[in-house]
All heavy atoms as atom14 arrays in JSON, in Angstrom:
{
  "sequence": "KKNGSGYHHLCYEVDSVDSAMQIIKSNKMIKVLGPVP",
  "atom14_mask": [
    [1, 1, 1, 1, 1, 1, 1, 1, 1, 0, 0, 0, 0, 0],
    [1, 1, 1, 1, 1, 1, 1, 1, 1, 0, 0, 0, 0, 0],
    [1, 1, 1, 1, 1, 1, 1, 1, 0, 0, 0, 0, 0, 0],
    [1, 1, 1, 1, 0, 0, 0, 0, 0, 0, 0, 0, 0, 0],
    [1, 1, 1, 1, 1, 1, 0, 0, 0, 0, 0, 0, 0, 0],
    [1, 1, 1, 1, 0, 0, 0, 0, 0, 0, 0, 0, 0, 0],
    [1, 1, 1, 1, 1, 1, 1, 1, 1, 1, 1, 1, 0, 0],
    [1, 1, 1, 1, 1, 1, 1, 1, 1, 1, 0, 0, 0, 0],
    [1, 1, 1, 1, 1, 1, 1, 1, 1, 1, 0, 0, 0, 0],
    [1, 1, 1, 1, 1, 1, 1, 1, 0, 0, 0, 0, 0, 0],
    [1, 1, 1, 1, 1, 1, 0, 0, 0, 0, 0, 0, 0, 0],
    [1, 1, 1, 1, 1, 1, 1, 1, 1, 1, 1, 1, 0, 0],
    [1, 1, 1, 1, 1, 1, 1, 1, 1, 0, 0, 0, 0, 0],
    [1, 1, 1, 1, 1, 1, 1, 0, 0, 0, 0, 0, 0, 0],
    [1, 1, 1, 1, 1, 1, 1, 1, 0, 0, 0, 0, 0, 0],
    [1, 1, 1, 1, 1, 1, 0, 0, 0, 0, 0, 0, 0, 0],
    [1, 1, 1, 1, 1, 1, 1, 0, 0, 0, 0, 0, 0, 0],
    [1, 1, 1, 1, 1, 1, 1, 1, 0, 0, 0, 0, 0, 0],
    [1, 1, 1, 1, 1, 1, 0, 0, 0, 0, 0, 0, 0, 0],
    [1, 1, 1, 1, 1, 0, 0, 0, 0, 0, 0, 0, 0, 0],
    [1, 1, 1, 1, 1, 1, 1, 1, 0, 0, 0, 0, 0, 0],
    [1, 1, 1, 1, 1, 1, 1, 1, 1, 0, 0, 0, 0, 0],
    [1, 1, 1, 1, 1, 1, 1, 1, 0, 0, 0, 0, 0, 0],
    [1, 1, 1, 1, 1, 1, 1, 1, 0, 0, 0, 0, 0, 0],
    [1, 1, 1, 1, 1, 1, 1, 1, 1, 0, 0, 0, 0, 0],
    [1, 1, 1, 1, 1, 1, 0, 0, 0, 0, 0, 0, 0, 0],
    [1, 1, 1, 1, 1, 1, 1, 1, 0, 0, 0, 0, 0, 0],
    [1, 1, 1, 1, 1, 1, 1, 1, 1, 0, 0, 0, 0, 0],
    [1, 1, 1, 1, 1, 1, 1, 1, 0, 0, 0, 0, 0, 0],
    [1, 1, 1, 1, 1, 1, 1, 1, 0, 0, 0, 0, 0, 0],
    [1, 1, 1, 1, 1, 1, 1, 1, 1, 0, 0, 0, 0, 0],
    [1, 1, 1, 1, 1, 1, 1, 0, 0, 0, 0, 0, 0, 0],
    [1, 1, 1, 1, 1, 1, 1, 1, 0, 0, 0, 0, 0, 0],
    [1, 1, 1, 1, 0, 0, 0, 0, 0, 0, 0, 0, 0, 0],
    [1, 1, 1, 1, 1, 1, 1, 0, 0, 0, 0, 0, 0, 0],
    [1, 1, 1, 1, 1, 1, 1, 0, 0, 0, 0, 0, 0, 0],
    [1, 1, 1, 1, 1, 1, 1, 0, 0, 0, 0, 0, 0, 0]
  ],
  "atom14_positions": [
    [[0.82, -1.21, 0.0], [0.0, 0.0, 0.0], [0.86, 1.27, 0.0], [0.52, 2.26, -0.64], [-0.97, 0.02, 1.19], [-2.04, -1.03, 1.07], [-2.81, -0.89, -0.23], [-3.69, -2.07, -0.51], [-4.09, -2.19, -1.89], [0.0, 0.0, 0.0], [0.0, 0.0, 0.0], [0.0, 0.0, 0.0], [0.0, 0.0, 0.0], [0.0, 0.0, 0.0]],
    [[1.98, 1.22, 0.7], [2.85, 2.39, 0.8], [3.7, 2.59, -0.46], [3.89, 3.71, -0.92], [3.78, 2.24, 2.01], [4.72, 3.4, 2.22], [5.56, 3.2, 3.45], [6.54, 4.34, 3.63], [7.44, 4.13, 4.75], [0.0, 0.0, 0.0], [0.0, 0.0, 0.0], [0.0, 0.0, 0.0], [0.0, 0.0, 0.0], [0.0, 0.0, 0.0]],
    [[4.2, 1.47, -1.04], [5.18, 1.56, -2.11], [4.7, 1.09, -3.48], [5.38, 1.28, -4.47], [6.43, 0.75, -1.74], [7.04, 1.21, -0.44], [7.44, 2.35, -0.32], [7.08, 0.33, 0.53], [0.0, 0.0, 0.0], [0.0, 0.0, 0.0], [0.0, 0.0, 0.0], [0.0, 0.0, 0.0], [0.0, 0.0, 0.0], [0.0, 0.0, 0.0]],
    [[3.56, 0.4, -3.51], [3.11, -0.19, -4.77], [3.9, -1.46, -5.08], [4.74, -1.9, -4.3], [0.0, 0.0, 0.0], [0.0, 0.0, 0.0], [0.0, 0.0, 0.0], [0.0, 0.0, 0.0], [0.0, 0.0, 0.0], [0.0, 0.0, 0.0], [0.0, 0.0, 0.0], [0.0, 0.0, 0.0], [0.0, 0.0, 0.0], [0.0, 0.0, 0.0]],
    [[3.62, -2.05, -6.21], [4.32, -3.27, -6.62], [5.78, -2.98, -6.89], [6.12, -1.95, -7.46], [3.69, -3.85, -7.89], [2.4, -4.35, -7.64], [0.0, 0.0, 0.0], [0.0, 0.0, 0.0], [0.0, 0.0, 0.0], [0.0, 0.0, 0.0], [0.0, 0.0, 0.0], [0.0, 0.0, 0.0], [0.0, 0.0, 0.0], [0.0, 0.0, 0.0]],
    [[6.64, -3.91, -6.48], [8.06, -3.77, -6.76], [8.94, -4.53, -5.79], [8.47, -5.34, -4.99], [0.0, 0.0, 0.0], [0.0, 0.0, 0.0], [0.0, 0.0, 0.0], [0.0, 0.0, 0.0], [0.0, 0.0, 0.0], [0.0, 0.0, 0.0], [0.0, 0.0, 0.0], [0.0, 0.0, 0.0], [0.0, 0.0, 0.0], [0.0, 0.0, 0.0]],
    [[10.22, -4.22, -5.87], [11.24, -4.9, -5.06], [10.88, -4.83, -3.58], [10.47, -3.78, -3.08], [12.6, -4.25, -5.3], [13.67, -4.74, -4.37], [14.29, -5.97, -4.58], [14.04, -4.0, -3.26], [15.26, -6.44, -3.71], [15.01, -4.45, -2.39], [15.62, -5.68, -2.62], [16.57, -6.14, -1.73], [0.0, 0.0, 0.0], [0.0, 0.0, 0.0]],
    [[11.12, -5.96, -2.89], [10.86, -6.02, -1.46], [12.07, -6.51, -0.67], [12.43, -5.93, 0.35], [9.66, -6.92, -1.16], [9.35, -7.04, 0.29], [9.7, -8.15, 1.04], [8.72, -6.2, 1.13], [9.3, -7.98, 2.27], [8.7, -6.8, 2.37], [0.0, 0.0, 0.0], [0.0, 0.0, 0.0], [0.0, 0.0, 0.0], [0.0, 0.0, 0.0]],
    [[12.71, -7.63, -1.11], [13.81, -8.17, -0.33], [14.78, -8.99, -1.17], [14.47, -9.4, -2.27], [13.28, -9.04, 0.82], [12.65, -10.33, 0.37], [11.31, -10.43, 0.05], [13.17, -11.57, 0.17], [11.03, -11.67, -0.3], [12.15, -12.39, -0.26], [0.0, 0.0, 0.0], [0.0, 0.0, 0.0], [0.0, 0.0, 0.0], [0.0, 0.0, 0.0]],
    [[15.94, -9.22, -0.57], [16.95, -10.1, -1.12], [17.07, -11.27, -0.16], [17.09, -11.07, 1.06], [18.28, -9.35, -1.22], [19.42, -10.01, -1.97], [19.03, -10.3, -3.42], [20.65, -9.11, -1.94], [0.0, 0.0, 0.0], [0.0, 0.0, 0.0], [0.0, 0.0, 0.0], [0.0, 0.0, 0.0], [0.0, 0.0, 0.0], [0.0, 0.0, 0.0]],
    [[17.11, -12.48, -0.69], [17.2, -13.67, 0.15], [18.53, -14.37, -0.06], [18.92, -14.65, -1.2], [16.06, -14.64, -0.17], [16.15, -16.19, 0.78], [0.0, 0.0, 0.0], [0.0, 0.0, 0.0], [0.0, 0.0, 0.0], [0.0, 0.0, 0.0], [0.0, 0.0, 0.0], [0.0, 0.0, 0.0], [0.0, 0.0, 0.0], [0.0, 0.0, 0.0]],
    [[19.2, -14.66, 1.04], [20.45, -15.4, 1.02], [20.21, -16.8, 1.57], [19.45, -16.98, 2.53], [21.52, -14.72, 1.88], [21.98, -13.4, 1.35], [21.46, -12.21, 1.85], [22.92, -13.34, 0.33], [21.89, -10.98, 1.36], [23.35, -12.12, -0.16], [22.84, -10.94, 0.36], [23.25, -9.73, -0.13], [0.0, 0.0, 0.0], [0.0, 0.0, 0.0]],
    [[20.89, -17.76, 1.01], [20.86, -19.14, 1.51], [22.01, -19.3, 2.5], [23.14, -18.93, 2.2], [21.03, -20.1, 0.34], [20.72, -21.53, 0.67], [20.69, -22.4, -0.58], [20.22, -21.94, -1.63], [21.16, -23.56, -0.46], [0.0, 0.0, 0.0], [0.0, 0.0, 0.0], [0.0, 0.0, 0.0], [0.0, 0.0, 0.0], [0.0, 0.0, 0.0]],
    [[21.7, -19.84, 3.67], [22.71, -20.06, 4.71], [22.62, -21.51, 5.19], [21.63, -22.19, 4.95], [22.54, -19.09, 5.9], [22.8, -17.66, 5.48], [21.16, -19.21, 6.52], [0.0, 0.0, 0.0], [0.0, 0.0, 0.0], [0.0, 0.0, 0.0], [0.0, 0.0, 0.0], [0.0, 0.0, 0.0], [0.0, 0.0, 0.0], [0.0, 0.0, 0.0]],
    [[23.66, -21.96, 5.89], [23.74, -23.35, 6.32], [22.98, -23.64, 7.61], [22.64, -24.79, 7.88], [25.2, -23.78, 6.51], [25.96, -23.81, 5.2], [25.34, -24.09, 4.16], [27.17, -23.54, 5.22], [0.0, 0.0, 0.0], [0.0, 0.0, 0.0], [0.0, 0.0, 0.0], [0.0, 0.0, 0.0], [0.0, 0.0, 0.0], [0.0, 0.0, 0.0]],
    [[22.75, -22.63, 8.43], [22.1, -22.86, 9.71], [21.5, -21.58, 10.25], [21.85, -20.48, 9.8], [23.12, -23.41, 10.72], [24.08, -22.42, 11.03], [0.0, 0.0, 0.0], [0.0, 0.0, 0.0], [0.0, 0.0, 0.0], [0.0, 0.0, 0.0], [0.0, 0.0, 0.0], [0.0, 0.0, 0.0], [0.0, 0.0, 0.0], [0.0, 0.0, 0.0]],
    [[20.62, -21.73, 11.23], [20.06, -20.57, 11.92], [21.19, -19.81, 12.6], [21.22, -18.58, 12.58], [18.97, -21.0, 12.94], [18.56, -19.83, 13.82], [17.76, -21.58, 12.22], [0.0, 0.0, 0.0], [0.0, 0.0, 0.0], [0.0, 0.0, 0.0], [0.0, 0.0, 0.0], [0.0, 0.0, 0.0], [0.0, 0.0, 0.0], [0.0, 0.0, 0.0]],
    [[22.13, -20.54, 13.19], [23.27, -19.88, 13.84], [24.06, -19.03, 12.87], [24.51, -17.92, 13.21], [24.2, -20.91, 14.5], [23.59, -21.54, 15.74], [22.63, -20.97, 16.31], [24.05, -22.62, 16.14], [0.0, 0.0, 0.0], [0.0, 0.0, 0.0], [0.0, 0.0, 0.0], [0.0, 0.0, 0.0], [0.0, 0.0, 0.0], [0.0, 0.0, 0.0]],
    [[24.26, -19.53, 11.63], [24.96, -18.74, 10.61], [24.21, -17.46, 10.32], [24.81, -16.38, 10.21], [25.1, -19.54, 9.31], [25.92, -20.65, 9.48], [0.0, 0.0, 0.0], [0.0, 0.0, 0.0], [0.0, 0.0, 0.0], [0.0, 0.0, 0.0], [0.0, 0.0, 0.0], [0.0, 0.0, 0.0], [0.0, 0.0, 0.0], [0.0, 0.0, 0.0]],
    [[22.9, -17.56, 10.15], [22.08, -16.37, 9.89], [22.2, -15.38, 11.04], [22.37, -14.17, 10.82], [20.63, -16.76, 9.66], [0.0, 0.0, 0.0], [0.0, 0.0, 0.0], [0.0, 0.0, 0.0], [0.0, 0.0, 0.0], [0.0, 0.0, 0.0], [0.0, 0.0, 0.0], [0.0, 0.0, 0.0], [0.0, 0.0, 0.0], [0.0, 0.0, 0.0]],
    [[22.1, -15.88, 12.26], [22.18, -15.0, 13.43], [23.54, -14.31, 13.52], [23.62, -13.14, 13.89], [21.87, -15.78, 14.71], [20.43, -16.25, 14.82], [19.22, -14.9, 14.68], [19.63, -13.94, 16.13], [0.0, 0.0, 0.0], [0.0, 0.0, 0.0], [0.0, 0.0, 0.0], [0.0, 0.0, 0.0], [0.0, 0.0, 0.0], [0.0, 0.0, 0.0]],
    [[24.6, -15.03, 13.17], [25.93, -14.42, 13.19], [26.05, -13.31, 12.14], [26.61, -12.25, 12.42], [27.01, -15.49, 12.95], [28.43, -14.95, 13.02], [28.74, -14.29, 14.35], [28.34, -14.74, 15.41], [29.47, -13.18, 14.29], [0.0, 0.0, 0.0], [0.0, 0.0, 0.0], [0.0, 0.0, 0.0], [0.0, 0.0, 0.0], [0.0, 0.0, 0.0]],
    [[25.51, -13.54, 10.96], [25.53, -12.52, 9.91], [24.72, -11.3, 10.34], [25.16, -10.15, 10.16], [24.98, -13.09, 8.59], [25.93, -14.18, 8.06], [24.77, -12.0, 7.55], [25.32, -15.07, 6.99], [0.0, 0.0, 0.0], [0.0, 0.0, 0.0], [0.0, 0.0, 0.0], [0.0, 0.0, 0.0], [0.0, 0.0, 0.0], [0.0, 0.0, 0.0]],
    [[23.56, -11.55, 10.92], [22.72, -10.46, 11.41], [23.46, -9.64, 12.46], [23.51, -8.41, 12.39], [21.38, -11.01, 11.97], [20.52, -11.55, 10.81], [20.63, -9.95, 12.77], [19.33, -12.39, 11.25], [0.0, 0.0, 0.0], [0.0, 0.0, 0.0], [0.0, 0.0, 0.0], [0.0, 0.0, 0.0], [0.0, 0.0, 0.0], [0.0, 0.0, 0.0]],
    [[24.08, -10.33, 13.4], [24.8, -9.65, 14.48], [26.02, -8.89, 13.96], [26.2, -7.72, 14.28], [25.24, -10.67, 15.54], [25.96, -10.06, 16.71], [26.34, -11.1, 17.74], [27.11, -10.48, 18.88], [27.59, -11.5, 19.83], [0.0, 0.0, 0.0], [0.0, 0.0, 0.0], [0.0, 0.0, 0.0], [0.0, 0.0, 0.0], [0.0, 0.0, 0.0]],
    [[26.83, -9.54, 13.14], [28.07, -8.9, 12.68], [27.82, -7.73, 11.74], [28.66, -6.84, 11.61], [28.99, -9.94, 12.01], [28.42, -10.42, 10.83], [0.0, 0.0, 0.0], [0.0, 0.0, 0.0], [0.0, 0.0, 0.0], [0.0, 0.0, 0.0], [0.0, 0.0, 0.0], [0.0, 0.0, 0.0], [0.0, 0.0, 0.0], [0.0, 0.0, 0.0]],
    [[26.65, -7.71, 11.1], [26.31, -6.6, 10.21], [25.36, -5.59, 10.85], [24.81, -4.72, 10.18], [25.71, -7.13, 8.91], [26.76, -7.79, 8.05], [27.53, -7.11, 7.39], [26.83, -9.1, 8.07], [0.0, 0.0, 0.0], [0.0, 0.0, 0.0], [0.0, 0.0, 0.0], [0.0, 0.0, 0.0], [0.0, 0.0, 0.0], [0.0, 0.0, 0.0]],
    [[25.15, -5.76, 12.16], [24.31, -4.85, 12.94], [22.92, -4.69, 12.36], [22.37, -3.59, 12.31], [25.0, -3.51, 13.14], [26.29, -3.65, 13.91], [26.98, -2.35, 14.13], [28.21, -2.62, 14.97], [29.3, -1.74, 14.7], [0.0, 0.0, 0.0], [0.0, 0.0, 0.0], [0.0, 0.0, 0.0], [0.0, 0.0, 0.0], [0.0, 0.0, 0.0]],
    [[22.36, -5.81, 11.9], [20.99, -5.83, 11.41], [20.04, -6.02, 12.58], [20.46, -6.39, 13.68], [20.79, -6.99, 10.42], [21.6, -6.91, 9.17], [21.26, -8.37, 8.14], [22.49, -8.19, 6.88], [0.0, 0.0, 0.0], [0.0, 0.0, 0.0], [0.0, 0.0, 0.0], [0.0, 0.0, 0.0], [0.0, 0.0, 0.0], [0.0, 0.0, 0.0]],
    [[18.76, -5.79, 12.33], [17.74, -6.02, 13.34], [16.87, -7.17, 12.87], [16.23, -7.09, 11.82], [16.87, -4.76, 13.55], [17.74, -3.6, 14.03], [15.72, -5.05, 14.53], [17.02, -2.27, 14.02], [0.0, 0.0, 0.0], [0.0, 0.0, 0.0], [0.0, 0.0, 0.0], [0.0, 0.0, 0.0], [0.0, 0.0, 0.0], [0.0, 0.0, 0.0]],
    [[16.87, -8.27, 13.64], [16.04, -9.41, 13.29], [14.59, -9.06, 13.6], [14.27, -8.6, 14.68], [16.44, -10.66, 14.07], [15.64, -11.91, 13.66], [16.1, -13.15, 14.39], [15.61, -13.22, 15.77], [14.47, -14.0, 16.1], [0.0, 0.0, 0.0], [0.0, 0.0, 0.0], [0.0, 0.0, 0.0], [0.0, 0.0, 0.0], [0.0, 0.0, 0.0]],
    [[13.71, -9.28, 12.62], [12.31, -8.92, 12.8], [11.37, -10.12, 12.82], [10.25, -10.01, 13.31], [11.83, -7.9, 11.74], [12.53, -6.57, 11.95], [12.04, -8.4, 10.33], [0.0, 0.0, 0.0], [0.0, 0.0, 0.0], [0.0, 0.0, 0.0], [0.0, 0.0, 0.0], [0.0, 0.0, 0.0], [0.0, 0.0, 0.0], [0.0, 0.0, 0.0]],
    [[11.83, -11.26, 12.29], [10.96, -12.45, 12.27], [11.81, -13.69, 12.08], [12.73, -13.7, 11.29], [9.94, -12.34, 11.13], [8.95, -13.5, 10.99], [8.01, -13.56, 12.19], [8.15, -13.37, 9.7], [0.0, 0.0, 0.0], [0.0, 0.0, 0.0], [0.0, 0.0, 0.0], [0.0, 0.0, 0.0], [0.0, 0.0, 0.0], [0.0, 0.0, 0.0]],
    [[11.43, -14.73, 12.8], [12.03, -16.03, 12.56], [12.89, -16.52, 13.68], [13.13, -15.81, 14.64], [0.0, 0.0, 0.0], [0.0, 0.0, 0.0], [0.0, 0.0, 0.0], [0.0, 0.0, 0.0], [0.0, 0.0, 0.0], [0.0, 0.0, 0.0], [0.0, 0.0, 0.0], [0.0, 0.0, 0.0], [0.0, 0.0, 0.0], [0.0, 0.0, 0.0]],
    [[13.29, -17.75, 13.52], [13.02, -18.62, 12.37], [11.56, -19.12, 12.35], [11.0, -19.43, 13.39], [13.99, -19.78, 12.55], [14.34, -19.8, 13.99], [14.18, -18.39, 14.49], [0.0, 0.0, 0.0], [0.0, 0.0, 0.0], [0.0, 0.0, 0.0], [0.0, 0.0, 0.0], [0.0, 0.0, 0.0], [0.0, 0.0, 0.0], [0.0, 0.0, 0.0]],
    [[11.0, -19.14, 11.16], [9.66, -19.68, 10.91], [9.73, -20.58, 9.68], [10.59, -20.39, 8.83], [8.61, -18.56, 10.7], [8.43, -17.73, 11.95], [8.97, -17.69, 9.51], [0.0, 0.0, 0.0], [0.0, 0.0, 0.0], [0.0, 0.0, 0.0], [0.0, 0.0, 0.0], [0.0, 0.0, 0.0], [0.0, 0.0, 0.0], [0.0, 0.0, 0.0]],
    [[8.82, -21.56, 9.58], [8.83, -22.42, 8.39], [8.3, -21.68, 7.16], [7.31, -20.96, 7.25], [7.93, -23.59, 8.78], [7.08, -23.08, 9.9], [7.84, -21.99, 10.57], [0.0, 0.0, 0.0], [0.0, 0.0, 0.0], [0.0, 0.0, 0.0], [0.0, 0.0, 0.0], [0.0, 0.0, 0.0], [0.0, 0.0, 0.0], [0.0, 0.0, 0.0]]
  ]
}
């Protein structure tokens, strides 16, 4: 509704939840959801 149709996200494949959490932490990202199926 705010932006209309278009780009939303980039998805990376990782080996584990721990790997994802390490990337999030080391890049000072904010986790907003997950892990979820």
